[in-house]
Protein backbone atom coordinates (compact mmCIF):
# COMPACT_ATOMS: atom_id res chain seq x y z
CA MET A 1 277.83 288.02 105.51
CA ALA A 2 280.61 285.41 105.62
CA HIS A 3 278.05 282.73 104.76
CA ARG A 4 277.10 284.58 101.57
CA GLY A 5 280.78 284.77 100.64
CA ARG A 6 281.07 281.01 100.98
CA GLN A 7 277.89 280.53 98.98
CA ASN A 8 279.28 282.72 96.20
CA ALA A 9 282.56 280.78 96.24
CA ASP A 10 280.67 277.47 96.18
CA ASP A 11 278.54 278.65 93.26
CA LEU A 12 281.60 279.73 91.30
CA LEU A 13 283.52 276.56 92.21
CA ALA A 14 280.59 274.38 91.09
CA ALA A 15 280.28 276.28 87.81
CA GLU A 16 284.01 275.99 87.09
CA LEU A 17 284.04 272.26 87.85
CA ALA A 18 280.91 271.72 85.76
CA ALA A 19 282.65 273.46 82.86
CA GLY A 20 285.46 270.92 83.04
CA LYS A 21 288.15 272.89 84.83
CA THR A 22 290.67 271.01 86.94
CA VAL A 23 290.18 271.19 90.69
CA ARG A 24 293.25 273.44 90.96
CA ASP A 25 292.04 275.84 88.27
CA ALA A 26 288.46 275.86 89.59
CA ALA A 27 289.69 276.58 93.12
CA THR A 28 291.83 279.45 91.88
CA ALA A 29 288.93 280.93 89.91
CA ALA A 30 286.62 280.62 92.92
CA GLY A 31 289.17 282.08 95.32
CA VAL A 32 289.33 279.01 97.57
CA ALA A 33 292.13 276.68 98.54
CA GLU A 34 292.61 273.57 96.43
CA ARG A 35 292.12 271.46 99.56
CA THR A 36 288.77 273.17 100.15
CA ALA A 37 287.74 272.39 96.58
CA HIS A 38 288.64 268.72 97.04
CA ARG A 39 286.65 268.63 100.29
CA ARG A 40 283.61 270.27 98.65
CA ARG A 41 283.71 267.65 95.87
CA THR A 42 283.05 264.95 98.47
CA ASP A 43 279.80 266.62 99.61
CA ALA A 44 276.77 264.92 98.03
CA ASP A 45 274.76 268.14 97.63
CA PHE A 46 277.70 269.91 96.04
CA LYS A 47 278.31 267.00 93.66
CA ALA A 48 274.64 267.08 92.71
CA ARG A 49 274.84 270.82 92.02
CA VAL A 50 277.91 270.31 89.78
CA GLY A 51 276.06 267.53 87.94
CA ALA A 52 272.97 269.69 87.46
CA LEU A 53 275.04 272.59 86.16
CA ARG A 54 276.88 270.29 83.75
CA ALA A 55 273.57 268.86 82.52
CA ASP A 56 272.29 272.40 81.91
CA MET A 57 275.45 273.24 79.94
CA VAL A 58 275.14 270.11 77.83
CA GLY A 59 271.45 270.79 77.24
CA ALA A 60 272.19 274.33 76.09
CA ALA A 61 274.90 273.07 73.73
CA CYS A 62 272.55 270.42 72.34
CA GLY A 63 269.92 273.05 71.69
CA ARG A 64 272.37 275.19 69.76
CA LEU A 65 273.51 272.20 67.71
CA ALA A 66 269.92 271.16 67.00
CA ASP A 67 269.22 274.66 65.68
CA GLY A 68 271.99 274.23 63.12
CA MET A 69 271.11 270.70 62.06
CA ALA A 70 268.48 271.72 59.51
CA THR A 71 270.92 274.10 57.84
CA ALA A 72 273.65 271.46 57.88
CA ALA A 73 271.29 268.96 56.30
CA ASP A 74 270.41 271.47 53.58
CA VAL A 75 274.11 272.01 52.86
CA LEU A 76 274.73 268.28 52.71
CA LEU A 77 271.79 267.72 50.39
CA ALA A 78 272.92 270.61 48.16
CA LEU A 79 276.29 268.88 47.79
CA LEU A 80 274.48 266.03 46.04
CA ALA A 81 274.16 268.40 43.05
CA ASP A 82 277.80 269.55 43.12
CA ALA A 83 279.71 269.52 39.84
CA GLY A 84 282.46 267.34 41.24
CA PRO A 85 281.72 263.61 41.22
CA ASP A 86 283.90 263.04 44.29
CA VAL A 87 281.94 265.62 46.26
CA ARG A 88 278.61 264.12 45.12
CA HIS A 89 279.84 260.63 46.07
CA ARG A 90 280.98 261.66 49.55
CA ALA A 91 277.74 263.59 50.13
CA ALA A 92 275.66 260.61 49.00
CA VAL A 93 277.57 258.24 51.29
CA LYS A 94 277.15 260.60 54.24
CA VAL A 95 273.42 261.07 53.59
CA ILE A 96 272.96 257.30 53.53
CA GLU A 97 275.08 256.79 56.67
CA LEU A 98 273.21 259.46 58.59
CA GLY A 99 269.85 258.22 57.35
CA VAL A 100 270.60 254.71 58.59
CA LYS A 101 271.77 256.02 61.98
CA LEU A 102 268.70 258.20 62.31
CA GLY A 103 266.47 255.23 61.50
CA GLU A 104 268.25 253.09 64.11
CA LEU A 105 267.88 255.79 66.76
CA ALA A 106 264.21 256.27 65.97
CA ASP A 107 263.68 252.51 66.25
CA LEU A 108 265.52 252.36 69.59
CA GLU A 109 263.51 255.31 70.90
CA ARG A 110 260.27 253.59 69.90
CA ARG A 111 261.35 250.31 71.52
CA VAL A 112 262.38 252.01 74.77
CA ALA A 113 259.06 253.85 74.87
CA GLU A 114 257.22 250.55 74.41
CA LEU A 115 259.23 248.92 77.21
CA GLU A 116 258.61 251.87 79.51
CA ALA A 117 254.90 251.77 78.75
CA ALA A 118 254.81 248.03 79.53
CA THR A 119 256.61 248.46 82.87
CA PRO A 120 254.31 248.98 85.86
CA GLU A 121 255.14 252.23 87.64
CA ALA A 122 255.03 250.66 91.09
CA GLY A 123 258.14 248.55 91.70
CA GLY A 124 259.58 248.98 88.20
CA GLY A 125 258.12 245.72 86.97
CA THR A 126 259.33 243.50 89.81
CA ASP A 127 257.53 242.53 92.96
CA GLY A 128 260.66 241.49 94.84
CA ALA A 129 259.61 237.81 94.81
């Protein structure tokens, strides 16, 4: 039973650290000593778990932001028809800026995909010679 208690504390500690809490605050939330939290952070498996949890949190946040992007784009495009010339100007500048950035990202994505496709899977493109 004690092992399960440690597992629960480790799970909570990892989640708190992944969420960006300080070691002291994460330790307090998990009910462990700060020294224990520092020691757990040196364990490779624990560090990997914190990293995986953080990646999941970032992925979830990205998904939520992506859901709102279409609506945000509609709002921005609607501002192009605003009665105020300053608002129309700022909206037009932002649409152009974002369009250029999107084009650059799409180009980079295409180029990376081409490089990955050209790289042999075995040895990552080098033969060690």
